[in-house]
Amino acid sequence: MQKREQLELQHKIENMRIDNEIENANVEVRMWQQEVDLQRDDQISLNNEEAIDVAKRTEEWCQQSSAQVVGRETEPTGHPLDKQVPLLNMISTSLHLPKPEFQTFSGDPINYWSFKSSFDLNIAQRSFDDRVKLSYLIQFCSGKARDAIKNCVLLDPTTGYNQARDILYSQFGRTYIVARAHIKQVLNRTNSRSGDRHEKMPDDFDPNALHRRYERNRRSLENSRITACPSSV
């Protein structure tokens, strides 16, 4: 009898322990649910505040943009065609001007630097590709100058164009070559003049013509000394 009572007592104690654990678990679940609800409410409140802030900033930006647009529209502006008048005048002027004549180069070192300046101004400094530049360079050369560079068309356009410029410089534009050509010209004219003293003085020996030739030779020699780079054409 006593043993049976002990078993019943143990059974009651075990049931009470189980009920207590279940109650504790339920309390923890309720506390966790409350915490989740609080976090969710905080997040909703934060999102609402951000939404209100974004809406407010958007409204302010729209007001500022509208003010800027209105300010620009109220500023006095000229007719759009007024800005195009200078361009139209330039186009009209260029249409009525005669086309420039490009200087050619036959291989005379005396004319090398003037040809170089003309070619650089009209062709090399424009936005043509190297194939077009090489074609123009060969076109504007004649005689031994063209013979020296005509095979450059067989090369890659960039390589051929640069090599053609190098060839013209090395054969006709170096300082000593240009200087020698000028000296030879002066000596030939001097000998021609002394050949017949009774002949009327030609224009080549007119003082003004001699001065112009001297200035031309001087500038040519100065250019050949300043530009001593083989790639200068």
Protein backbone atom coordinates (compact mmCIF):
# COMPACT_ATOMS: atom_id res chain seq x y z
CA MET A 1 0.00 0.00 0.00
CA GLN A 2 2.74 2.39 0.86
CA LYS A 3 4.55 1.62 -2.39
CA ARG A 4 1.46 2.44 -4.40
CA GLU A 5 1.13 5.82 -2.73
CA GLN A 6 4.75 6.59 -3.52
CA LEU A 7 4.20 5.78 -7.18
CA GLU A 8 1.14 8.02 -7.34
CA LEU A 9 3.05 10.83 -5.68
CA GLN A 10 5.91 10.51 -8.15
CA HIS A 11 3.41 10.52 -11.02
CA LYS A 12 1.83 13.75 -9.77
CA ILE A 13 5.23 15.37 -9.36
CA GLU A 14 6.17 14.38 -12.92
CA ASN A 15 2.91 15.79 -14.27
CA MET A 16 3.46 19.05 -12.41
CA ARG A 17 6.99 19.30 -13.82
CA ILE A 18 5.72 18.76 -17.36
CA ASP A 19 2.96 21.33 -16.89
CA ASN A 20 5.48 23.80 -15.54
CA GLU A 21 7.79 23.34 -18.53
CA ILE A 22 4.86 23.80 -20.91
CA GLU A 23 3.83 26.99 -19.16
CA ASN A 24 7.40 28.33 -19.30
CA ALA A 25 7.54 27.55 -22.99
CA ASN A 26 4.26 29.37 -23.59
CA VAL A 27 5.55 32.40 -21.68
CA GLU A 28 8.73 32.47 -23.80
CA VAL A 29 6.67 32.23 -26.97
CA ARG A 30 4.47 35.14 -25.90
CA MET A 31 7.50 37.26 -25.00
CA TRP A 32 9.18 36.48 -28.33
CA GLN A 33 5.98 37.35 -30.20
CA GLN A 34 5.71 40.66 -28.37
CA GLU A 35 9.31 41.51 -29.24
CA VAL A 36 8.70 40.67 -32.89
CA ASP A 37 5.60 42.85 -32.91
CA LEU A 38 7.53 45.74 -31.38
CA GLN A 39 10.30 45.47 -33.96
CA ARG A 40 7.75 45.32 -36.76
CA ASP A 41 5.96 48.39 -35.44
CA ASP A 42 9.28 50.26 -35.21
CA GLN A 43 10.18 49.31 -38.77
CA ILE A 44 6.79 50.41 -40.07
CA SER A 45 7.15 53.71 -38.25
CA LEU A 46 10.67 54.18 -39.65
CA ASN A 47 9.52 53.39 -43.17
CA ASN A 48 6.69 55.87 -42.84
CA GLU A 49 9.11 58.54 -41.66
CA GLU A 50 11.47 57.81 -44.58
CA ALA A 51 8.59 57.91 -47.02
CA ILE A 52 7.47 61.25 -45.62
CA ASP A 53 11.07 62.54 -45.80
CA VAL A 54 11.50 61.38 -49.42
CA ALA A 55 8.21 62.96 -50.40
CA LYS A 56 9.23 66.19 -48.72
CA ARG A 57 12.63 66.27 -50.42
CA THR A 58 11.03 65.47 -53.78
CA GLU A 59 8.62 68.34 -53.37
CA GLU A 60 11.46 70.72 -52.46
CA TRP A 61 13.50 69.61 -55.50
CA CYS A 62 10.52 70.15 -57.80
CA GLN A 63 10.01 73.63 -56.41
CA GLN A 64 13.69 74.51 -56.89
CA SER A 65 13.72 73.12 -60.45
CA SER A 66 10.58 75.03 -61.31
CA ALA A 67 12.11 78.24 -60.00
CA GLN A 68 15.24 77.70 -62.09
CA VAL A 69 13.21 77.02 -65.24
CA VAL A 70 11.08 80.09 -64.67
CA GLY A 71 14.21 82.15 -64.06
CA ARG A 72 15.75 80.98 -67.32
CA GLU A 73 12.58 81.65 -69.24
CA THR A 74 12.32 85.19 -67.91
CA GLU A 75 15.90 86.03 -68.89
CA PRO A 76 16.14 87.93 -72.18
CA THR A 77 17.52 85.70 -74.90
CA GLY A 78 18.23 86.48 -78.51
CA HIS A 79 16.80 84.69 -81.46
CA PRO A 80 18.44 81.28 -82.09
CA LEU A 81 19.49 82.42 -85.54
CA ASP A 82 21.53 85.25 -84.00
CA LYS A 83 24.09 82.71 -82.79
CA GLN A 84 24.36 81.23 -86.29
CA VAL A 85 24.98 84.52 -88.08
CA PRO A 86 28.81 84.41 -87.70
CA LEU A 87 28.87 80.84 -88.98
CA LEU A 88 26.65 81.70 -91.94
CA ASN A 89 28.81 84.71 -92.77
CA MET A 90 31.94 82.57 -92.68
CA ILE A 91 30.38 79.96 -94.98
CA SER A 92 29.17 82.63 -97.38
CA THR A 93 32.60 84.25 -97.47
CA SER A 94 34.36 80.95 -98.11
CA LEU A 95 32.00 80.17 -100.99
CA HIS A 96 32.85 83.44 -102.74
CA LEU A 97 36.59 83.21 -102.18
CA PRO A 98 38.72 81.57 -104.87
CA LYS A 99 39.99 78.11 -104.06
CA PRO A 100 43.56 78.09 -102.76
CA GLU A 101 46.21 76.78 -105.11
CA PHE A 102 48.34 74.12 -103.49
CA GLN A 103 52.07 74.43 -103.98
CA THR A 104 53.76 71.48 -105.65
CA PHE A 105 57.27 70.19 -105.09
CA SER A 106 59.53 68.95 -107.85
CA GLY A 107 62.54 68.12 -105.69
CA ASP A 108 64.29 71.50 -105.62
CA PRO A 109 65.66 71.89 -102.05
CA ILE A 110 65.19 75.67 -102.31
CA ASN A 111 61.42 75.15 -102.39
CA TYR A 112 61.29 72.38 -99.80
CA TRP A 113 60.37 74.43 -96.73
CA SER A 114 57.76 76.56 -98.46
CA PHE A 115 56.17 73.37 -99.80
CA LYS A 116 56.26 71.83 -96.33
CA SER A 117 54.48 74.83 -94.81
CA SER A 118 51.81 74.79 -97.51
CA PHE A 119 51.24 71.05 -97.21
CA ASP A 120 51.05 71.12 -93.41
CA LEU A 121 48.56 73.99 -93.45
CA ASN A 122 46.24 72.60 -96.11
CA ILE A 123 46.53 68.83 -95.63
CA ALA A 124 48.57 67.52 -92.71
CA GLN A 125 46.86 69.56 -89.99
CA ARG A 126 43.37 68.58 -91.11
CA SER A 127 41.44 65.56 -89.92
CA PHE A 128 42.34 63.26 -92.79
CA ASP A 129 43.52 59.72 -92.25
CA ASP A 130 47.07 58.82 -93.21
CA ARG A 131 45.97 57.09 -96.42
CA VAL A 132 44.45 60.33 -97.73
CA LYS A 133 47.44 62.40 -96.57
CA LEU A 134 49.84 60.07 -98.38
CA SER A 135 47.75 60.28 -101.54
CA TYR A 136 47.82 64.09 -101.44
CA LEU A 137 51.54 64.14 -100.68
CA ILE A 138 52.34 62.05 -103.75
CA GLN A 139 49.88 64.06 -105.85
CA PHE A 140 51.54 67.39 -104.98
CA CYS A 141 55.02 66.08 -105.76
CA SER A 142 56.51 65.74 -109.21
CA GLY A 143 59.78 64.77 -110.85
CA LYS A 144 62.39 63.25 -108.60
CA ALA A 145 60.40 64.09 -105.47
CA ARG A 146 57.51 61.90 -106.61
CA ASP A 147 59.87 59.17 -107.77
CA ALA A 148 61.38 59.10 -104.29
CA ILE A 149 58.09 58.46 -102.45
CA LYS A 150 55.69 56.85 -104.94
CA ASN A 151 56.41 53.31 -103.71
CA CYS A 152 55.28 54.26 -100.18
CA VAL A 153 51.70 53.48 -101.25
CA LEU A 154 52.64 49.80 -101.04
CA LEU A 155 53.13 50.09 -97.27
CA ASP A 156 50.67 50.40 -94.43
CA PRO A 157 49.03 53.88 -94.70
CA THR A 158 50.54 55.26 -91.49
CA THR A 159 53.96 53.73 -92.13
CA GLY A 160 53.91 54.81 -95.76
CA TYR A 161 52.91 58.39 -94.95
CA ASN A 162 55.57 58.80 -92.25
CA GLN A 163 58.22 57.19 -94.44
CA ALA A 164 57.34 59.46 -97.36
CA ARG A 165 57.81 62.51 -95.15
CA ASP A 166 61.12 61.14 -93.89
CA ILE A 167 62.34 60.53 -97.44
CA LEU A 168 61.48 64.03 -98.61
CA TYR A 169 63.23 65.54 -95.62
CA SER A 170 66.35 63.39 -95.84
CA GLN A 171 66.77 63.93 -99.59
CA PHE A 172 65.64 67.54 -100.01
CA GLY A 173 65.19 69.25 -96.65
CA ARG A 174 68.34 68.77 -94.60
CA THR A 175 70.20 71.94 -93.71
CA TYR A 176 73.33 71.23 -95.70
CA ILE A 177 71.31 70.20 -98.78
CA VAL A 178 69.24 73.39 -98.71
CA ALA A 179 72.32 75.55 -98.08
CA ARG A 180 74.22 73.91 -100.92
CA ALA A 181 71.30 74.50 -103.31
CA HIS A 182 71.18 78.21 -102.39
CA ILE A 183 74.94 78.61 -102.81
CA LYS A 184 74.81 76.85 -106.16
CA GLN A 185 72.01 79.14 -107.30
CA VAL A 186 73.95 82.27 -106.33
CA LEU A 187 77.13 81.06 -108.03
CA ASN A 188 75.32 80.14 -111.22
CA ARG A 189 73.66 83.55 -111.43
CA THR A 190 76.95 85.30 -110.72
CA ASN A 191 78.70 83.37 -113.49
CA SER A 192 75.85 84.04 -115.86
CA ARG A 193 76.03 87.76 -115.15
CA SER A 194 79.80 87.97 -115.63
CA GLY A 195 79.60 86.10 -118.96
CA ASP A 196 78.35 89.10 -120.90
CA ARG A 197 78.92 92.52 -119.32
CA HIS A 198 77.34 94.39 -122.23
CA GLU A 199 74.02 92.53 -121.97
CA LYS A 200 71.16 94.36 -120.29
CA MET A 201 70.76 93.48 -116.62
CA PRO A 202 67.88 90.99 -116.27
CA ASP A 203 65.29 91.21 -113.53
CA ASP A 204 67.15 88.53 -111.57
CA PHE A 205 69.91 91.04 -110.86
CA ASP A 206 67.67 93.93 -110.01
CA PRO A 207 68.57 95.10 -106.45
CA ASN A 208 65.02 94.60 -105.22
CA ALA A 209 64.83 91.14 -106.74
CA LEU A 210 68.18 90.23 -105.19
CA HIS A 211 66.97 91.44 -101.80
CA ARG A 212 63.79 89.39 -102.04
CA ARG A 213 65.77 86.31 -103.04
CA TYR A 214 68.19 86.87 -100.18
CA GLU A 215 65.35 87.11 -97.65
CA ARG A 216 63.75 83.99 -99.06
CA ASN A 217 67.01 82.06 -98.86
CA ARG A 218 67.65 83.30 -95.33
CA ARG A 219 64.21 82.22 -94.09
CA SER A 220 64.56 78.88 -95.80
CA LEU A 221 67.91 78.23 -94.14
CA GLU A 222 66.56 79.32 -90.76
CA ASN A 223 63.69 76.86 -91.10
CA SER A 224 66.05 74.07 -92.02
CA ARG A 225 68.11 74.75 -88.89
CA ILE A 226 65.10 75.04 -86.57
CA THR A 227 63.42 71.90 -87.86
CA ALA A 228 66.08 69.24 -87.83
CA CYS A 229 63.73 66.33 -87.21
CA PRO A 230 63.52 63.65 -89.93
CA SER A 231 59.74 63.42 -89.49
CA SER A 232 59.04 67.02 -90.45
CA VAL A 233 58.59 66.46 -94.10
